[in-house]
Amino acid sequence: MPEIRSKRFDTAIALQVQLLRGSTPVDLTGIALSAIVFRIGGKTAAREYAATTVDDALAGKVGLTPPTELVSVETTYFVEVRVTFLDGKIQTFPLEVADRIIWKVLPSLP
């Protein structure tokens, strides 16, 4: 399972994930940021946040600058990314549970 780690209150570094179909990167060329949604949940229902960057469209790399509300507590989140393609079809990544993205917000020093 891919794991992303950040410190509590850190909002300067985007969460970056690569979207794959098997081992093939998903081509995001021409897809608007508003069509790429991060679904982030933990112990509560998932909330949705529009992607803030497409870091490499051909390699399927997207990012999200974490909102303050997500990094204000130490916790673990599960992350999915939903893409609406140019033809209107929707797909959620990762495709396999074993590939689930885990994001851990770690404590900062007191």
C-alpha atoms as a PDB file:
ATOM      1  CA  MET A   1       0.000   0.000   0.000  1.00  0.00           C
ATOM      2  CA  PRO A   2       1.463   3.375  -0.940  1.00  0.00           C
ATOM      3  CA  GLU A   3       1.891   5.574   2.105  1.00  0.00           C
ATOM      4  CA  ILE A   4       2.211   9.338   2.267  1.00  0.00           C
ATOM      5  CA  ARG A   5       3.430  11.015   5.446  1.00  0.00           C
ATOM      6  CA  SER A   6       3.253  14.616   6.554  1.00  0.00           C
ATOM      7  CA  LYS A   7       3.509  16.494   9.821  1.00  0.00           C
ATOM      8  CA  ARG A   8       0.645  18.109  11.632  1.00  0.00           C
ATOM      9  CA  PHE A   9      -0.146  21.623  10.260  1.00  0.00           C
ATOM     10  CA  ASP A  10       1.997  21.099   7.114  1.00  0.00           C
ATOM     11  CA  THR A  11       0.274  22.596   4.077  1.00  0.00           C
ATOM     12  CA  ALA A  12       3.323  23.576   2.004  1.00  0.00           C
ATOM     13  CA  ILE A  13       3.840  20.207   0.316  1.00  0.00           C
ATOM     14  CA  ALA A  14       1.166  18.733  -1.938  1.00  0.00           C
ATOM     15  CA  LEU A  15       0.069  15.145  -1.632  1.00  0.00           C
ATOM     16  CA  GLN A  16       1.206  13.666  -4.922  1.00  0.00           C
ATOM     17  CA  VAL A  17      -0.134  10.402  -6.312  1.00  0.00           C
ATOM     18  CA  GLN A  18       0.314   8.571  -9.585  1.00  0.00           C
ATOM     19  CA  LEU A  19      -2.792   7.104 -11.182  1.00  0.00           C
ATOM     20  CA  LEU A  20      -2.238   3.709 -12.792  1.00  0.00           C
ATOM     21  CA  ARG A  21      -4.239   1.089 -14.674  1.00  0.00           C
ATOM     22  CA  GLY A  22      -2.217  -1.976 -13.746  1.00  0.00           C
ATOM     23  CA  SER A  23       1.309  -0.692 -14.262  1.00  0.00           C
ATOM     24  CA  THR A  24       0.349   1.788 -17.005  1.00  0.00           C
ATOM     25  CA  PRO A  25       0.084   5.493 -16.100  1.00  0.00           C
ATOM     26  CA  VAL A  26      -3.289   7.112 -16.789  1.00  0.00           C
ATOM     27  CA  ASP A  27      -3.026   9.860 -19.413  1.00  0.00           C
ATOM     28  CA  LEU A  28      -4.577  13.029 -17.950  1.00  0.00           C
ATOM     29  CA  THR A  29      -3.815  15.253 -20.942  1.00  0.00           C
ATOM     30  CA  GLY A  30      -6.541  17.872 -21.432  1.00  0.00           C
ATOM     31  CA  ILE A  31      -8.449  16.975 -18.272  1.00  0.00           C
ATOM     32  CA  ALA A  32      -9.396  20.000 -16.128  1.00  0.00           C
ATOM     33  CA  LEU A  33      -8.381  20.114 -12.472  1.00  0.00           C
ATOM     34  CA  SER A  34     -12.040  20.336 -11.509  1.00  0.00           C
ATOM     35  CA  ALA A  35     -12.518  16.890 -13.079  1.00  0.00           C
ATOM     36  CA  ILE A  36      -9.949  15.337 -10.724  1.00  0.00           C
ATOM     37  CA  VAL A  37     -11.266  14.869  -7.198  1.00  0.00           C
ATOM     38  CA  PHE A  38      -9.439  13.555  -4.144  1.00  0.00           C
ATOM     39  CA  ARG A  39     -11.756  11.575  -1.836  1.00  0.00           C
ATOM     40  CA  ILE A  40     -10.262  11.551   1.641  1.00  0.00           C
ATOM     41  CA  GLY A  41     -11.729   9.670   4.568  1.00  0.00           C
ATOM     42  CA  GLY A  42     -10.729   8.121   7.817  1.00  0.00           C
ATOM     43  CA  LYS A  43     -12.957   7.291  10.735  1.00  0.00           C
ATOM     44  CA  THR A  44     -15.666   9.513   9.267  1.00  0.00           C
ATOM     45  CA  ALA A  45     -17.297   9.736   5.852  1.00  0.00           C
ATOM     46  CA  ALA A  46     -15.072  10.714   2.941  1.00  0.00           C
ATOM     47  CA  ARG A  47     -14.999  14.327   1.798  1.00  0.00           C
ATOM     48  CA  GLU A  48     -14.074  15.534  -1.642  1.00  0.00           C
ATOM     49  CA  TYR A  49     -11.412  18.054  -2.616  1.00  0.00           C
ATOM     50  CA  ALA A  50     -10.555  19.207  -6.149  1.00  0.00           C
ATOM     51  CA  ALA A  51      -6.998  18.451  -7.208  1.00  0.00           C
ATOM     52  CA  THR A  52      -4.742  21.474  -7.103  1.00  0.00           C
ATOM     53  CA  THR A  53      -2.070  20.331  -9.562  1.00  0.00           C
ATOM     54  CA  VAL A  54      -1.515  18.027 -12.498  1.00  0.00           C
ATOM     55  CA  ASP A  55       2.194  17.478 -12.024  1.00  0.00           C
ATOM     56  CA  ASP A  56       2.750  15.247 -15.062  1.00  0.00           C
ATOM     57  CA  ALA A  57      -0.294  14.566 -17.268  1.00  0.00           C
ATOM     58  CA  LEU A  58       1.304  11.765 -19.320  1.00  0.00           C
ATOM     59  CA  ALA A  59       2.568  10.002 -16.192  1.00  0.00           C
ATOM     60  CA  GLY A  60      -0.809  10.367 -14.417  1.00  0.00           C
ATOM     61  CA  LYS A  61       0.634  12.392 -11.531  1.00  0.00           C
ATOM     62  CA  VAL A  62      -1.700  14.716  -9.637  1.00  0.00           C
ATOM     63  CA  GLY A  63      -1.432  16.631  -6.390  1.00  0.00           C
ATOM     64  CA  LEU A  64      -3.531  18.186  -3.678  1.00  0.00           C
ATOM     65  CA  THR A  65      -2.393  20.948  -1.358  1.00  0.00           C
ATOM     66  CA  PRO A  66      -3.894  19.735   1.905  1.00  0.00           C
ATOM     67  CA  PRO A  67      -6.532  21.985   3.459  1.00  0.00           C
ATOM     68  CA  THR A  68      -5.802  23.060   7.046  1.00  0.00           C
ATOM     69  CA  GLU A  69      -8.769  21.073   8.323  1.00  0.00           C
ATOM     70  CA  LEU A  70      -7.095  17.834   7.224  1.00  0.00           C
ATOM     71  CA  VAL A  71      -3.748  18.466   8.876  1.00  0.00           C
ATOM     72  CA  SER A  72      -4.904  19.974  12.155  1.00  0.00           C
ATOM     73  CA  VAL A  73      -5.040  16.566  13.890  1.00  0.00           C
ATOM     74  CA  GLU A  74      -2.788  13.523  13.971  1.00  0.00           C
ATOM     75  CA  THR A  75      -4.640  10.821  12.079  1.00  0.00           C
ATOM     76  CA  THR A  76      -4.606   8.358   9.211  1.00  0.00           C
ATOM     77  CA  TYR A  77      -6.637   8.874   6.051  1.00  0.00           C
ATOM     78  CA  PHE A  78      -7.466   6.725   3.053  1.00  0.00           C
ATOM     79  CA  VAL A  79      -7.176   8.526  -0.276  1.00  0.00           C
ATOM     80  CA  GLU A  80      -8.897   7.846  -3.591  1.00  0.00           C
ATOM     81  CA  VAL A  81      -8.806   9.945  -6.735  1.00  0.00           C
ATOM     82  CA  ARG A  82     -11.853  10.135  -9.009  1.00  0.00           C
ATOM     83  CA  VAL A  83     -11.334  11.301 -12.593  1.00  0.00           C
ATOM     84  CA  THR A  84     -13.993  12.409 -15.054  1.00  0.00           C
ATOM     85  CA  PHE A  85     -12.499  11.829 -18.490  1.00  0.00           C
ATOM     86  CA  LEU A  86     -13.132  13.979 -21.561  1.00  0.00           C
ATOM     87  CA  ASP A  87     -15.769  11.513 -22.793  1.00  0.00           C
ATOM     88  CA  GLY A  88     -17.695  11.903 -19.499  1.00  0.00           C
ATOM     89  CA  LYS A  89     -16.715   8.475 -18.135  1.00  0.00           C
ATOM     90  CA  ILE A  90     -15.681   8.322 -14.476  1.00  0.00           C
ATOM     91  CA  GLN A  91     -13.063   6.108 -12.837  1.00  0.00           C
ATOM     92  CA  THR A  92     -11.798   5.960  -9.273  1.00  0.00           C
ATOM     93  CA  PHE A  93      -8.181   5.103  -8.437  1.00  0.00           C
ATOM     94  CA  PRO A  94      -6.541   3.039  -7.102  1.00  0.00           C
ATOM     95  CA  LEU A  95      -8.353   0.108  -8.675  1.00  0.00           C
ATOM     96  CA  GLU A  96      -7.224  -2.540  -6.163  1.00  0.00           C
ATOM     97  CA  VAL A  97      -7.724  -2.495  -2.385  1.00  0.00           C
ATOM     98  CA  ALA A  98      -4.130  -3.677  -2.007  1.00  0.00           C
ATOM     99  CA  ASP A  99      -3.017  -0.456  -3.720  1.00  0.00           C
ATOM    100  CA  ARG A 100      -5.045   1.790  -1.375  1.00  0.00           C
ATOM    101  CA  ILE A 101      -3.280   5.056  -0.642  1.00  0.00           C
ATOM    102  CA  ILE A 102      -2.724   5.757   3.057  1.00  0.00           C
ATOM    103  CA  TRP A 103      -1.926   9.272   4.267  1.00  0.00           C
ATOM    104  CA  LYS A 104      -0.582   9.638   7.811  1.00  0.00           C
ATOM    105  CA  VAL A 105      -0.544  13.017   9.529  1.00  0.00           C
ATOM    106  CA  LEU A 106       2.191  12.664  12.146  1.00  0.00           C
ATOM    107  CA  PRO A 107       2.639  14.707  15.316  1.00  0.00           C
ATOM    108  CA  SER A 108       4.908  17.730  15.254  1.00  0.00           C
ATOM    109  CA  LEU A 109       7.320  18.401  18.072  1.00  0.00           C
ATOM    110  CA  PRO A 110       5.733  19.973  21.147  1.00  0.00           C
END
